[in-house]
Amino acid sequence: LIYDIHFESLRDHPEKDHEKLIHIPGVLETGFFLGFAGRVLVGKEGGTIDHWT
């Protein structure tokens, strides 16, 4: 199963959130690309795109 979740805190401390989630029994991976990207594009429901750096 793949879950698409949204947490406001992910932008503040993604490394800590990854560590918390990865230690939940049954969670194999979070899909966080920590240290890989200089920019993230996030598609929104209304068709807009957020640019995170």
PDB file of N, CA and C in Angstrom:
ATOM      1  N   LEU A   1       0.830  -1.179   0.000  1.00  0.00           N
ATOM      2  CA  LEU A   1       0.000   0.000   0.000  1.00  0.00           C
ATOM      3  C   LEU A   1       0.874   1.241   0.000  1.00  0.00           C
ATOM      4  N   ILE A   2       0.392   2.265  -0.651  1.00  0.00           N
ATOM      5  CA  ILE A   2       1.070   3.561  -0.648  1.00  0.00           C
ATOM      6  C   ILE A   2       0.085   4.582  -0.094  1.00  0.00           C
ATOM      7  N   TYR A   3       0.533   5.356   0.877  1.00  0.00           N
ATOM      8  CA  TYR A   3      -0.291   6.400   1.460  1.00  0.00           C
ATOM      9  C   TYR A   3       0.286   7.756   1.108  1.00  0.00           C
ATOM     10  N   ASP A   4      -0.577   8.677   0.717  1.00  0.00           N
ATOM     11  CA  ASP A   4      -0.189  10.060   0.447  1.00  0.00           C
ATOM     12  C   ASP A   4      -0.677  10.874   1.638  1.00  0.00           C
ATOM     13  N   ILE A   5       0.254  11.380   2.428  1.00  0.00           N
ATOM     14  CA  ILE A   5      -0.111  12.099   3.648  1.00  0.00           C
ATOM     15  C   ILE A   5       0.455  13.507   3.613  1.00  0.00           C
ATOM     16  N   HIS A   6      -0.112  14.385   4.419  1.00  0.00           N
ATOM     17  CA  HIS A   6       0.338  15.775   4.494  1.00  0.00           C
ATOM     18  C   HIS A   6       0.527  16.157   5.958  1.00  0.00           C
ATOM     19  N   PHE A   7       1.720  16.610   6.286  1.00  0.00           N
ATOM     20  CA  PHE A   7       2.022  17.124   7.619  1.00  0.00           C
ATOM     21  C   PHE A   7       2.650  18.497   7.455  1.00  0.00           C
ATOM     22  N   GLU A   8       2.151  19.488   8.166  1.00  0.00           N
ATOM     23  CA  GLU A   8       2.773  20.813   8.131  1.00  0.00           C
ATOM     24  C   GLU A   8       4.212  20.756   8.621  1.00  0.00           C
ATOM     25  N   SER A   9       4.483  19.878   9.593  1.00  0.00           N
ATOM     26  CA  SER A   9       5.815  19.831  10.207  1.00  0.00           C
ATOM     27  C   SER A   9       6.893  19.291   9.278  1.00  0.00           C
ATOM     28  N   LEU A  10       6.529  18.645   8.178  1.00  0.00           N
ATOM     29  CA  LEU A  10       7.532  18.038   7.302  1.00  0.00           C
ATOM     30  C   LEU A  10       8.512  19.060   6.746  1.00  0.00           C
ATOM     31  N   ARG A  11       8.082  20.273   6.558  1.00  0.00           N
ATOM     32  CA  ARG A  11       8.989  21.287   6.029  1.00  0.00           C
ATOM     33  C   ARG A  11       9.959  21.772   7.095  1.00  0.00           C
ATOM     34  N   ASP A  12       9.599  21.625   8.360  1.00  0.00           N
ATOM     35  CA  ASP A  12      10.442  22.120   9.446  1.00  0.00           C
ATOM     36  C   ASP A  12      11.539  21.136   9.831  1.00  0.00           C
ATOM     37  N   HIS A  13      11.208  19.859   9.967  1.00  0.00           N
ATOM     38  CA  HIS A  13      12.160  18.847  10.439  1.00  0.00           C
ATOM     39  C   HIS A  13      11.971  17.531   9.685  1.00  0.00           C
ATOM     40  N   PRO A  14      12.210  17.500   8.378  1.00  0.00           N
ATOM     41  CA  PRO A  14      11.937  16.268   7.626  1.00  0.00           C
ATOM     42  C   PRO A  14      12.765  15.072   8.079  1.00  0.00           C
ATOM     43  N   GLU A  15      13.998  15.305   8.529  1.00  0.00           N
ATOM     44  CA  GLU A  15      14.835  14.188   8.979  1.00  0.00           C
ATOM     45  C   GLU A  15      14.238  13.515  10.209  1.00  0.00           C
ATOM     46  N   LYS A  16      13.745  14.326  11.148  1.00  0.00           N
ATOM     47  CA  LYS A  16      13.130  13.778  12.363  1.00  0.00           C
ATOM     48  C   LYS A  16      11.833  13.040  12.033  1.00  0.00           C
ATOM     49  N   ASP A  17      11.038  13.616  11.120  1.00  0.00           N
ATOM     50  CA  ASP A  17       9.783  12.969  10.737  1.00  0.00           C
ATOM     51  C   ASP A  17      10.044  11.647  10.025  1.00  0.00           C
ATOM     52  N   HIS A  18      11.075  11.599   9.181  1.00  0.00           N
ATOM     53  CA  HIS A  18      11.450  10.353   8.509  1.00  0.00           C
ATOM     54  C   HIS A  18      11.807   9.286   9.546  1.00  0.00           C
ATOM     55  N   GLU A  19      12.606   9.648  10.541  1.00  0.00           N
ATOM     56  CA  GLU A  19      13.017   8.689  11.574  1.00  0.00           C
ATOM     57  C   GLU A  19      11.823   8.164  12.362  1.00  0.00           C
ATOM     58  N   LYS A  20      10.868   9.040  12.676  1.00  0.00           N
ATOM     59  CA  LYS A  20       9.674   8.599  13.407  1.00  0.00           C
ATOM     60  C   LYS A  20       8.850   7.624  12.564  1.00  0.00           C
ATOM     61  N   LEU A  21       8.630   7.971  11.304  1.00  0.00           N
ATOM     62  CA  LEU A  21       7.791   7.142  10.441  1.00  0.00           C
ATOM     63  C   LEU A  21       8.439   5.811  10.100  1.00  0.00           C
ATOM     64  N   ILE A  22       9.744   5.798   9.849  1.00  0.00           N
ATOM     65  CA  ILE A  22      10.426   4.583   9.406  1.00  0.00           C
ATOM     66  C   ILE A  22      10.468   3.524  10.515  1.00  0.00           C
ATOM     67  N   HIS A  23      10.283   3.946  11.765  1.00  0.00           N
ATOM     68  CA  HIS A  23      10.299   3.001  12.883  1.00  0.00           C
ATOM     69  C   HIS A  23       8.912   2.471  13.253  1.00  0.00           C
ATOM     70  N   ILE A  24       7.883   2.841  12.500  1.00  0.00           N
ATOM     71  CA  ILE A  24       6.547   2.285  12.710  1.00  0.00           C
ATOM     72  C   ILE A  24       6.530   0.889  12.092  1.00  0.00           C
ATOM     73  N   PRO A  25       6.118  -0.128  12.851  1.00  0.00           N
ATOM     74  CA  PRO A  25       6.084  -1.486  12.296  1.00  0.00           C
ATOM     75  C   PRO A  25       5.277  -1.539  10.994  1.00  0.00           C
ATOM     76  N   GLY A  26       5.867  -2.136   9.976  1.00  0.00           N
ATOM     77  CA  GLY A  26       5.216  -2.260   8.675  1.00  0.00           C
ATOM     78  C   GLY A  26       5.613  -1.202   7.670  1.00  0.00           C
ATOM     79  N   VAL A  27       6.180  -0.092   8.142  1.00  0.00           N
ATOM     80  CA  VAL A  27       6.632   0.955   7.220  1.00  0.00           C
ATOM     81  C   VAL A  27       7.990   0.549   6.668  1.00  0.00           C
ATOM     82  N   LEU A  28       8.076   0.422   5.350  1.00  0.00           N
ATOM     83  CA  LEU A  28       9.324   0.019   4.710  1.00  0.00           C
ATOM     84  C   LEU A  28      10.140   1.215   4.237  1.00  0.00           C
ATOM     85  N   GLU A  29       9.468   2.265   3.805  1.00  0.00           N
ATOM     86  CA  GLU A  29      10.157   3.452   3.305  1.00  0.00           C
ATOM     87  C   GLU A  29       9.201   4.628   3.378  1.00  0.00           C
ATOM     88  N   THR A  30       9.755   5.851   3.462  1.00  0.00           N
ATOM     89  CA  THR A  30       8.908   7.035   3.541  1.00  0.00           C
ATOM     90  C   THR A  30       8.769   7.752   2.212  1.00  0.00           C
ATOM     91  N   GLY A  31       9.731   7.597   1.320  1.00  0.00           N
ATOM     92  CA  GLY A  31       9.686   8.334   0.065  1.00  0.00           C
ATOM     93  C   GLY A  31      10.250   9.733   0.193  1.00  0.00           C
ATOM     94  N   PHE A  32      10.837  10.051   1.350  1.00  0.00           N
ATOM     95  CA  PHE A  32      11.500  11.346   1.503  1.00  0.00           C
ATOM     96  C   PHE A  32      12.812  11.288   0.731  1.00  0.00           C
ATOM     97  N   PHE A  33      13.109  12.289  -0.027  1.00  0.00           N
ATOM     98  CA  PHE A  33      14.358  12.343  -0.774  1.00  0.00           C
ATOM     99  C   PHE A  33      15.283  13.343  -0.093  1.00  0.00           C
ATOM    100  N   LEU A  34      15.726  12.994   1.102  1.00  0.00           N
ATOM    101  CA  LEU A  34      16.540  13.901   1.910  1.00  0.00           C
ATOM    102  C   LEU A  34      17.948  13.992   1.340  1.00  0.00           C
ATOM    103  N   GLY A  35      18.388  15.222   1.066  1.00  0.00           N
ATOM    104  CA  GLY A  35      19.731  15.452   0.564  1.00  0.00           C
ATOM    105  C   GLY A  35      19.903  15.200  -0.923  1.00  0.00           C
ATOM    106  N   PHE A  36      18.820  14.913  -1.650  1.00  0.00           N
ATOM    107  CA  PHE A  36      18.917  14.613  -3.076  1.00  0.00           C
ATOM    108  C   PHE A  36      18.513  15.781  -3.969  1.00  0.00           C
ATOM    109  N   ALA A  37      17.605  16.625  -3.514  1.00  0.00           N
ATOM    110  CA  ALA A  37      17.050  17.660  -4.388  1.00  0.00           C
ATOM    111  C   ALA A  37      17.296  19.054  -3.831  1.00  0.00           C
ATOM    112  N   GLY A  38      17.567  19.985  -4.724  1.00  0.00           N
ATOM    113  CA  GLY A  38      17.711  21.383  -4.336  1.00  0.00           C
ATOM    114  C   GLY A  38      16.399  22.136  -4.428  1.00  0.00           C
ATOM    115  N   ARG A  39      15.437  21.543  -5.154  1.00  0.00           N
ATOM    116  CA  ARG A  39      14.127  22.163  -5.325  1.00  0.00           C
ATOM    117  C   ARG A  39      13.077  21.063  -5.397  1.00  0.00           C
ATOM    118  N   VAL A  40      11.901  21.329  -4.806  1.00  0.00           N
ATOM    119  CA  VAL A  40      10.794  20.371  -4.840  1.00  0.00           C
ATOM    120  C   VAL A  40       9.579  21.090  -5.415  1.00  0.00           C
ATOM    121  N   LEU A  41       8.906  20.450  -6.358  1.00  0.00           N
ATOM    122  CA  LEU A  41       7.674  20.982  -6.930  1.00  0.00           C
ATOM    123  C   LEU A  41       6.521  20.137  -6.402  1.00  0.00           C
ATOM    124  N   VAL A  42       5.538  20.801  -5.779  1.00  0.00           N
ATOM    125  CA  VAL A  42       4.408  20.097  -5.172  1.00  0.00           C
ATOM    126  C   VAL A  42       3.134  20.510  -5.898  1.00  0.00           C
ATOM    127  N   GLY A  43       2.484  19.551  -6.572  1.00  0.00           N
ATOM    128  CA  GLY A  43       1.229  19.823  -7.268  1.00  0.00           C
ATOM    129  C   GLY A  43       0.067  19.874  -6.289  1.00  0.00           C
ATOM    130  N   LYS A  44      -0.782  20.871  -6.446  1.00  0.00           N
ATOM    131  CA  LYS A  44      -1.937  21.061  -5.566  1.00  0.00           C
ATOM    132  C   LYS A  44      -3.221  20.659  -6.296  1.00  0.00           C
ATOM    133  N   GLU A  45      -4.284  20.454  -5.538  1.00  0.00           N
ATOM    134  CA  GLU A  45      -5.564  20.025  -6.107  1.00  0.00           C
ATOM    135  C   GLU A  45      -6.093  20.986  -7.165  1.00  0.00           C
ATOM    136  N   GLY A  46      -5.949  22.270  -6.964  1.00  0.00           N
ATOM    137  CA  GLY A  46      -6.488  23.264  -7.892  1.00  0.00           C
ATOM    138  C   GLY A  46      -5.644  23.465  -9.137  1.00  0.00           C
ATOM    139  N   GLY A  47      -4.552  22.720  -9.272  1.00  0.00           N
ATOM    140  CA  GLY A  47      -3.694  22.842 -10.443  1.00  0.00           C
ATOM    141  C   GLY A  47      -2.499  23.756 -10.246  1.00  0.00           C
ATOM    142  N   THR A  48      -2.395  24.388  -9.070  1.00  0.00           N
ATOM    143  CA  THR A  48      -1.233  25.231  -8.803  1.00  0.00           C
ATOM    144  C   THR A  48      -0.057  24.368  -8.365  1.00  0.00           C
ATOM    145  N   ILE A  49       1.117  24.957  -8.417  1.00  0.00           N
ATOM    146  CA  ILE A  49       2.336  24.244  -8.035  1.00  0.00           C
ATOM    147  C   ILE A  49       3.102  25.075  -7.019  1.00  0.00           C
ATOM    148  N   ASP A  50       3.463  24.463  -5.889  1.00  0.00           N
ATOM    149  CA  ASP A  50       4.331  25.101  -4.897  1.00  0.00           C
ATOM    150  C   ASP A  50       5.771  24.752  -5.230  1.00  0.00           C
ATOM    151  N   HIS A  51       6.657  25.733  -5.122  1.00  0.00           N
ATOM    152  CA  HIS A  51       8.089  25.525  -5.347  1.00  0.00           C
ATOM    153  C   HIS A  51       8.793  25.650  -4.003  1.00  0.00           C
ATOM    154  N   TRP A  52       9.402  24.565  -3.539  1.00  0.00           N
ATOM    155  CA  TRP A  52      10.139  24.563  -2.268  1.00  0.00           C
ATOM    156  C   TRP A  52      11.620  24.464  -2.569  1.00  0.00           C
ATOM    157  N   THR A  53      12.413  25.281  -1.876  1.00  0.00           N
ATOM    158  CA  THR A  53      13.873  25.199  -2.023  1.00  0.00           C
ATOM    159  C   THR A  53      14.518  24.964  -0.687  1.00  0.00           C
TER     160      THR A  53
END
